[in-house]
Amino acid sequence: MPSSLPRLGIRIDRDLLDKFHFVASYNERTANKEIEYVVKRHIALYEAEHGTIQVPAEVLVSETD
């Protein structure tokens, strides 16, 4: 069954992508799970410095974005 989670496409340098896959493999994660981990960690660091992010309704990403 297909996932109902939002998708995000990015453009990235091939060398950087290859290195990212290497790191994900080292951490025994898929590239997708490694990206999720990195994003969560980045947000946690931001919130530790600036406080909890309260996302206004007009900024929320719709399911079609």
PDB file of N, CA and C in Angstrom:
ATOM      1  N   MET A   1       0.844  -1.176   0.000  1.00  0.00           N
ATOM      2  CA  MET A   1       0.000   0.000   0.000  1.00  0.00           C
ATOM      3  C   MET A   1       0.891   1.242   0.000  1.00  0.00           C
ATOM      4  N   PRO A   2       0.610   2.212  -0.872  1.00  0.00           N
ATOM      5  CA  PRO A   2       1.421   3.423  -0.931  1.00  0.00           C
ATOM      6  C   PRO A   2       1.304   4.240   0.357  1.00  0.00           C
ATOM      7  N   SER A   3       2.357   4.959   0.666  1.00  0.00           N
ATOM      8  CA  SER A   3       2.369   5.799   1.858  1.00  0.00           C
ATOM      9  C   SER A   3       1.520   7.047   1.644  1.00  0.00           C
ATOM     10  N   SER A   4       0.888   7.510   2.707  1.00  0.00           N
ATOM     11  CA  SER A   4       0.124   8.751   2.642  1.00  0.00           C
ATOM     12  C   SER A   4       0.965   9.935   3.128  1.00  0.00           C
ATOM     13  N   LEU A   5       2.247   9.685   3.444  1.00  0.00           N
ATOM     14  CA  LEU A   5       3.119  10.755   3.908  1.00  0.00           C
ATOM     15  C   LEU A   5       3.471  11.695   2.760  1.00  0.00           C
ATOM     16  N   PRO A   6       3.653  12.978   3.056  1.00  0.00           N
ATOM     17  CA  PRO A   6       4.053  13.919   2.006  1.00  0.00           C
ATOM     18  C   PRO A   6       5.409  13.533   1.425  1.00  0.00           C
ATOM     19  N   ARG A   7       5.623  13.900   0.172  1.00  0.00           N
ATOM     20  CA  ARG A   7       6.890  13.623  -0.506  1.00  0.00           C
ATOM     21  C   ARG A   7       7.633  14.934  -0.721  1.00  0.00           C
ATOM     22  N   LEU A   8       8.963  14.850  -0.768  1.00  0.00           N
ATOM     23  CA  LEU A   8       9.799  16.014  -0.995  1.00  0.00           C
ATOM     24  C   LEU A   8      10.892  15.625  -1.973  1.00  0.00           C
ATOM     25  N   GLY A   9      10.956  16.316  -3.082  1.00  0.00           N
ATOM     26  CA  GLY A   9      12.029  16.083  -4.047  1.00  0.00           C
ATOM     27  C   GLY A   9      13.080  17.169  -3.914  1.00  0.00           C
ATOM     28  N   ILE A  10      14.361  16.795  -4.010  1.00  0.00           N
ATOM     29  CA  ILE A  10      15.433  17.791  -3.916  1.00  0.00           C
ATOM     30  C   ILE A  10      16.433  17.574  -5.045  1.00  0.00           C
ATOM     31  N   ARG A  11      17.124  18.633  -5.394  1.00  0.00           N
ATOM     32  CA  ARG A  11      18.239  18.543  -6.333  1.00  0.00           C
ATOM     33  C   ARG A  11      19.513  18.622  -5.504  1.00  0.00           C
ATOM     34  N   ILE A  12      20.457  17.714  -5.770  1.00  0.00           N
ATOM     35  CA  ILE A  12      21.664  17.643  -4.944  1.00  0.00           C
ATOM     36  C   ILE A  12      22.834  17.153  -5.803  1.00  0.00           C
ATOM     37  N   ASP A  13      23.998  17.661  -5.503  1.00  0.00           N
ATOM     38  CA  ASP A  13      25.222  17.265  -6.197  1.00  0.00           C
ATOM     39  C   ASP A  13      25.443  15.749  -6.043  1.00  0.00           C
ATOM     40  N   ARG A  14      25.838  15.085  -7.095  1.00  0.00           N
ATOM     41  CA  ARG A  14      26.014  13.621  -7.084  1.00  0.00           C
ATOM     42  C   ARG A  14      26.999  13.172  -6.012  1.00  0.00           C
ATOM     43  N   ASP A  15      28.139  13.868  -5.895  1.00  0.00           N
ATOM     44  CA  ASP A  15      29.143  13.477  -4.903  1.00  0.00           C
ATOM     45  C   ASP A  15      28.570  13.581  -3.486  1.00  0.00           C
ATOM     46  N   LEU A  16      27.846  14.647  -3.224  1.00  0.00           N
ATOM     47  CA  LEU A  16      27.226  14.830  -1.926  1.00  0.00           C
ATOM     48  C   LEU A  16      26.187  13.743  -1.655  1.00  0.00           C
ATOM     49  N   LEU A  17      25.399  13.402  -2.663  1.00  0.00           N
ATOM     50  CA  LEU A  17      24.403  12.346  -2.517  1.00  0.00           C
ATOM     51  C   LEU A  17      25.060  10.994  -2.244  1.00  0.00           C
ATOM     52  N   ASP A  18      26.131  10.692  -2.962  1.00  0.00           N
ATOM     53  CA  ASP A  18      26.839   9.429  -2.737  1.00  0.00           C
ATOM     54  C   ASP A  18      27.383   9.346  -1.313  1.00  0.00           C
ATOM     55  N   LYS A  19      27.936  10.448  -0.829  1.00  0.00           N
ATOM     56  CA  LYS A  19      28.459  10.479   0.539  1.00  0.00           C
ATOM     57  C   LYS A  19      27.326  10.338   1.550  1.00  0.00           C
ATOM     58  N   PHE A  20      26.202  10.967   1.252  1.00  0.00           N
ATOM     59  CA  PHE A  20      25.051  10.865   2.146  1.00  0.00           C
ATOM     60  C   PHE A  20      24.577   9.420   2.243  1.00  0.00           C
ATOM     61  N   HIS A  21      24.505   8.728   1.106  1.00  0.00           N
ATOM     62  CA  HIS A  21      24.115   7.314   1.108  1.00  0.00           C
ATOM     63  C   HIS A  21      25.112   6.479   1.916  1.00  0.00           C
ATOM     64  N   PHE A  22      26.396   6.823   1.822  1.00  0.00           N
ATOM     65  CA  PHE A  22      27.415   6.121   2.595  1.00  0.00           C
ATOM     66  C   PHE A  22      27.154   6.285   4.089  1.00  0.00           C
ATOM     67  N   VAL A  23      26.895   7.526   4.525  1.00  0.00           N
ATOM     68  CA  VAL A  23      26.628   7.803   5.936  1.00  0.00           C
ATOM     69  C   VAL A  23      25.364   7.079   6.393  1.00  0.00           C
ATOM     70  N   ALA A  24      24.315   7.118   5.582  1.00  0.00           N
ATOM     71  CA  ALA A  24      23.067   6.429   5.931  1.00  0.00           C
ATOM     72  C   ALA A  24      23.320   4.939   6.111  1.00  0.00           C
ATOM     73  N   SER A  25      24.076   4.353   5.194  1.00  0.00           N
ATOM     74  CA  SER A  25      24.391   2.930   5.289  1.00  0.00           C
ATOM     75  C   SER A  25      25.203   2.632   6.557  1.00  0.00           C
ATOM     76  N   TYR A  26      26.169   3.486   6.857  1.00  0.00           N
ATOM     77  CA  TYR A  26      26.977   3.326   8.064  1.00  0.00           C
ATOM     78  C   TYR A  26      26.083   3.339   9.306  1.00  0.00           C
ATOM     79  N   ASN A  27      25.071   4.198   9.302  1.00  0.00           N
ATOM     80  CA  ASN A  27      24.144   4.314  10.425  1.00  0.00           C
ATOM     81  C   ASN A  27      23.007   3.298  10.359  1.00  0.00           C
ATOM     82  N   GLU A  28      23.097   2.383   9.396  1.00  0.00           N
ATOM     83  CA  GLU A  28      22.100   1.328   9.199  1.00  0.00           C
ATOM     84  C   GLU A  28      20.694   1.904   9.021  1.00  0.00           C
ATOM     85  N   ARG A  29      20.631   2.967   8.189  1.00  0.00           N
ATOM     86  CA  ARG A  29      19.361   3.588   7.855  1.00  0.00           C
ATOM     87  C   ARG A  29      19.243   3.678   6.343  1.00  0.00           C
ATOM     88  N   THR A  30      18.018   3.759   5.869  1.00  0.00           N
ATOM     89  CA  THR A  30      17.809   4.098   4.470  1.00  0.00           C
ATOM     90  C   THR A  30      18.139   5.581   4.316  1.00  0.00           C
ATOM     91  N   ALA A  31      18.325   6.022   3.089  1.00  0.00           N
ATOM     92  CA  ALA A  31      18.574   7.444   2.861  1.00  0.00           C
ATOM     93  C   ALA A  31      17.394   8.272   3.358  1.00  0.00           C
ATOM     94  N   ASN A  32      16.185   7.778   3.144  1.00  0.00           N
ATOM     95  CA  ASN A  32      14.993   8.498   3.599  1.00  0.00           C
ATOM     96  C   ASN A  32      14.989   8.653   5.118  1.00  0.00           C
ATOM     97  N   LYS A  33      15.285   7.581   5.838  1.00  0.00           N
ATOM     98  CA  LYS A  33      15.305   7.644   7.302  1.00  0.00           C
ATOM     99  C   LYS A  33      16.456   8.514   7.804  1.00  0.00           C
ATOM    100  N   GLU A  34      17.568   8.529   7.071  1.00  0.00           N
ATOM    101  CA  GLU A  34      18.690   9.387   7.455  1.00  0.00           C
ATOM    102  C   GLU A  34      18.305  10.856   7.286  1.00  0.00           C
ATOM    103  N   ILE A  35      17.611  11.175   6.209  1.00  0.00           N
ATOM    104  CA  ILE A  35      17.136  12.544   6.001  1.00  0.00           C
ATOM    105  C   ILE A  35      16.178  12.935   7.120  1.00  0.00           C
ATOM    106  N   GLU A  36      15.257  12.038   7.455  1.00  0.00           N
ATOM    107  CA  GLU A  36      14.305  12.313   8.534  1.00  0.00           C
ATOM    108  C   GLU A  36      15.044  12.566   9.846  1.00  0.00           C
ATOM    109  N   TYR A  37      16.061  11.755  10.139  1.00  0.00           N
ATOM    110  CA  TYR A  37      16.863  11.920  11.351  1.00  0.00           C
ATOM    111  C   TYR A  37      17.559  13.282  11.352  1.00  0.00           C
ATOM    112  N   VAL A  38      18.183  13.635  10.240  1.00  0.00           N
ATOM    113  CA  VAL A  38      18.915  14.909  10.141  1.00  0.00           C
ATOM    114  C   VAL A  38      17.961  16.093  10.315  1.00  0.00           C
ATOM    115  N   VAL A  39      16.800  16.032   9.697  1.00  0.00           N
ATOM    116  CA  VAL A  39      15.820  17.122   9.803  1.00  0.00           C
ATOM    117  C   VAL A  39      15.329  17.243  11.244  1.00  0.00           C
ATOM    118  N   LYS A  40      14.996  16.126  11.878  1.00  0.00           N
ATOM    119  CA  LYS A  40      14.530  16.155  13.270  1.00  0.00           C
ATOM    120  C   LYS A  40      15.605  16.735  14.191  1.00  0.00           C
ATOM    121  N   ARG A  41      16.845  16.338  13.971  1.00  0.00           N
ATOM    122  CA  ARG A  41      17.945  16.838  14.800  1.00  0.00           C
ATOM    123  C   ARG A  41      18.138  18.340  14.591  1.00  0.00           C
ATOM    124  N   HIS A  42      18.063  18.780  13.357  1.00  0.00           N
ATOM    125  CA  HIS A  42      18.222  20.198  13.047  1.00  0.00           C
ATOM    126  C   HIS A  42      17.111  21.023  13.715  1.00  0.00           C
ATOM    127  N   ILE A  43      15.894  20.538  13.643  1.00  0.00           N
ATOM    128  CA  ILE A  43      14.769  21.234  14.267  1.00  0.00           C
ATOM    129  C   ILE A  43      14.938  21.256  15.793  1.00  0.00           C
ATOM    130  N   ALA A  44      15.366  20.146  16.377  1.00  0.00           N
ATOM    131  CA  ALA A  44      15.576  20.085  17.823  1.00  0.00           C
ATOM    132  C   ALA A  44      16.640  21.088  18.267  1.00  0.00           C
ATOM    133  N   LEU A  45      17.724  21.209  17.510  1.00  0.00           N
ATOM    134  CA  LEU A  45      18.774  22.181  17.832  1.00  0.00           C
ATOM    135  C   LEU A  45      18.248  23.607  17.714  1.00  0.00           C
ATOM    136  N   TYR A  46      17.466  23.865  16.682  1.00  0.00           N
ATOM    137  CA  TYR A  46      16.871  25.184  16.491  1.00  0.00           C
ATOM    138  C   TYR A  46      15.943  25.522  17.666  1.00  0.00           C
ATOM    139  N   GLU A  47      15.076  24.563  18.029  1.00  0.00           N
ATOM    140  CA  GLU A  47      14.124  24.799  19.105  1.00  0.00           C
ATOM    141  C   GLU A  47      14.831  24.941  20.460  1.00  0.00           C
ATOM    142  N   ALA A  48      15.936  24.251  20.649  1.00  0.00           N
ATOM    143  CA  ALA A  48      16.689  24.384  21.894  1.00  0.00           C
ATOM    144  C   ALA A  48      17.231  25.800  22.046  1.00  0.00           C
ATOM    145  N   GLU A  49      17.574  26.420  20.942  1.00  0.00           N
ATOM    146  CA  GLU A  49      18.123  27.771  20.970  1.00  0.00           C
ATOM    147  C   GLU A  49      17.037  28.849  20.934  1.00  0.00           C
ATOM    148  N   HIS A  50      15.966  28.602  20.177  1.00  0.00           N
ATOM    149  CA  HIS A  50      14.970  29.646  19.918  1.00  0.00           C
ATOM    150  C   HIS A  50      13.593  29.367  20.529  1.00  0.00           C
ATOM    151  N   GLY A  51      13.374  28.208  21.097  1.00  0.00           N
ATOM    152  CA  GLY A  51      12.071  27.850  21.642  1.00  0.00           C
ATOM    153  C   GLY A  51      11.260  27.038  20.645  1.00  0.00           C
ATOM    154  N   THR A  52      10.193  26.464  21.139  1.00  0.00           N
ATOM    155  CA  THR A  52       9.344  25.602  20.322  1.00  0.00           C
ATOM    156  C   THR A  52       8.760  26.367  19.136  1.00  0.00           C
ATOM    157  N   ILE A  53       8.796  25.752  17.996  1.00  0.00           N
ATOM    158  CA  ILE A  53       8.240  26.352  16.784  1.00  0.00           C
ATOM    159  C   ILE A  53       6.729  26.147  16.789  1.00  0.00           C
ATOM    160  N   GLN A  54       6.000  27.224  16.692  1.00  0.00           N
ATOM    161  CA  GLN A  54       4.551  27.177  16.549  1.00  0.00           C
ATOM    162  C   GLN A  54       4.255  27.534  15.094  1.00  0.00           C
ATOM    163  N   VAL A  55       3.902  26.546  14.293  1.00  0.00           N
ATOM    164  CA  VAL A  55       3.696  26.769  12.864  1.00  0.00           C
ATOM    165  C   VAL A  55       2.308  27.346  12.632  1.00  0.00           C
ATOM    166  N   PRO A  56       2.227  28.581  12.070  1.00  0.00           N
ATOM    167  CA  PRO A  56       0.930  29.170  11.775  1.00  0.00           C
ATOM    168  C   PRO A  56       0.202  28.343  10.709  1.00  0.00           C
ATOM    169  N   ALA A  57      -1.127  28.317  10.774  1.00  0.00           N
ATOM    170  CA  ALA A  57      -1.923  27.519   9.852  1.00  0.00           C
ATOM    171  C   ALA A  57      -1.626  27.865   8.392  1.00  0.00           C
ATOM    172  N   GLU A  58      -1.358  29.137   8.094  1.00  0.00           N
ATOM    173  CA  GLU A  58      -1.099  29.515   6.692  1.00  0.00           C
ATOM    174  C   GLU A  58       0.240  29.003   6.166  1.00  0.00           C
ATOM    175  N   VAL A  59       1.104  28.512   7.056  1.00  0.00           N
ATOM    176  CA  VAL A  59       2.400  27.986   6.641  1.00  0.00           C
ATOM    177  C   VAL A  59       2.365  26.472   6.476  1.00  0.00           C
ATOM    178  N   LEU A  60       1.379  25.825   7.060  1.00  0.00           N
ATOM    179  CA  LEU A  60       1.296  24.366   6.974  1.00  0.00           C
ATOM    180  C   LEU A  60       1.253  23.916   5.521  1.00  0.00           C
ATOM    181  N   VAL A  61       2.001  22.861   5.228  1.00  0.00           N
ATOM    182  CA  VAL A  61       2.081  22.324   3.875  1.00  0.00           C
ATOM    183  C   VAL A  61       0.850  21.493   3.597  1.00  0.00           C
ATOM    184  N   SER A  62       0.222  21.760   2.478  1.00  0.00           N
ATOM    185  CA  SER A  62      -0.956  20.962   2.114  1.00  0.00           C
ATOM    186  C   SER A  62      -0.521  19.627   1.565  1.00  0.00           C
ATOM    187  N   GLU A  63      -1.431  18.690   1.462  1.00  0.00           N
ATOM    188  CA  GLU A  63      -1.122  17.349   0.957  1.00  0.00           C
ATOM    189  C   GLU A  63      -0.753  17.359  -0.514  1.00  0.00           C
ATOM    190  N   THR A  64      -1.075  18.433  -1.231  1.00  0.00           N
ATOM    191  CA  THR A  64      -0.755  18.476  -2.657  1.00  0.00           C
ATOM    192  C   THR A  64       0.587  19.128  -2.924  1.00  0.00           C
ATOM    193  N   ASP A  65       1.263  19.728  -1.899  1.00  0.00           N
ATOM    194  CA  ASP A  65       2.575  20.361  -2.092  1.00  0.00           C
ATOM    195  C   ASP A  65       3.668  19.330  -2.102  1.00  0.00           C
TER     196      ASP A  65
END
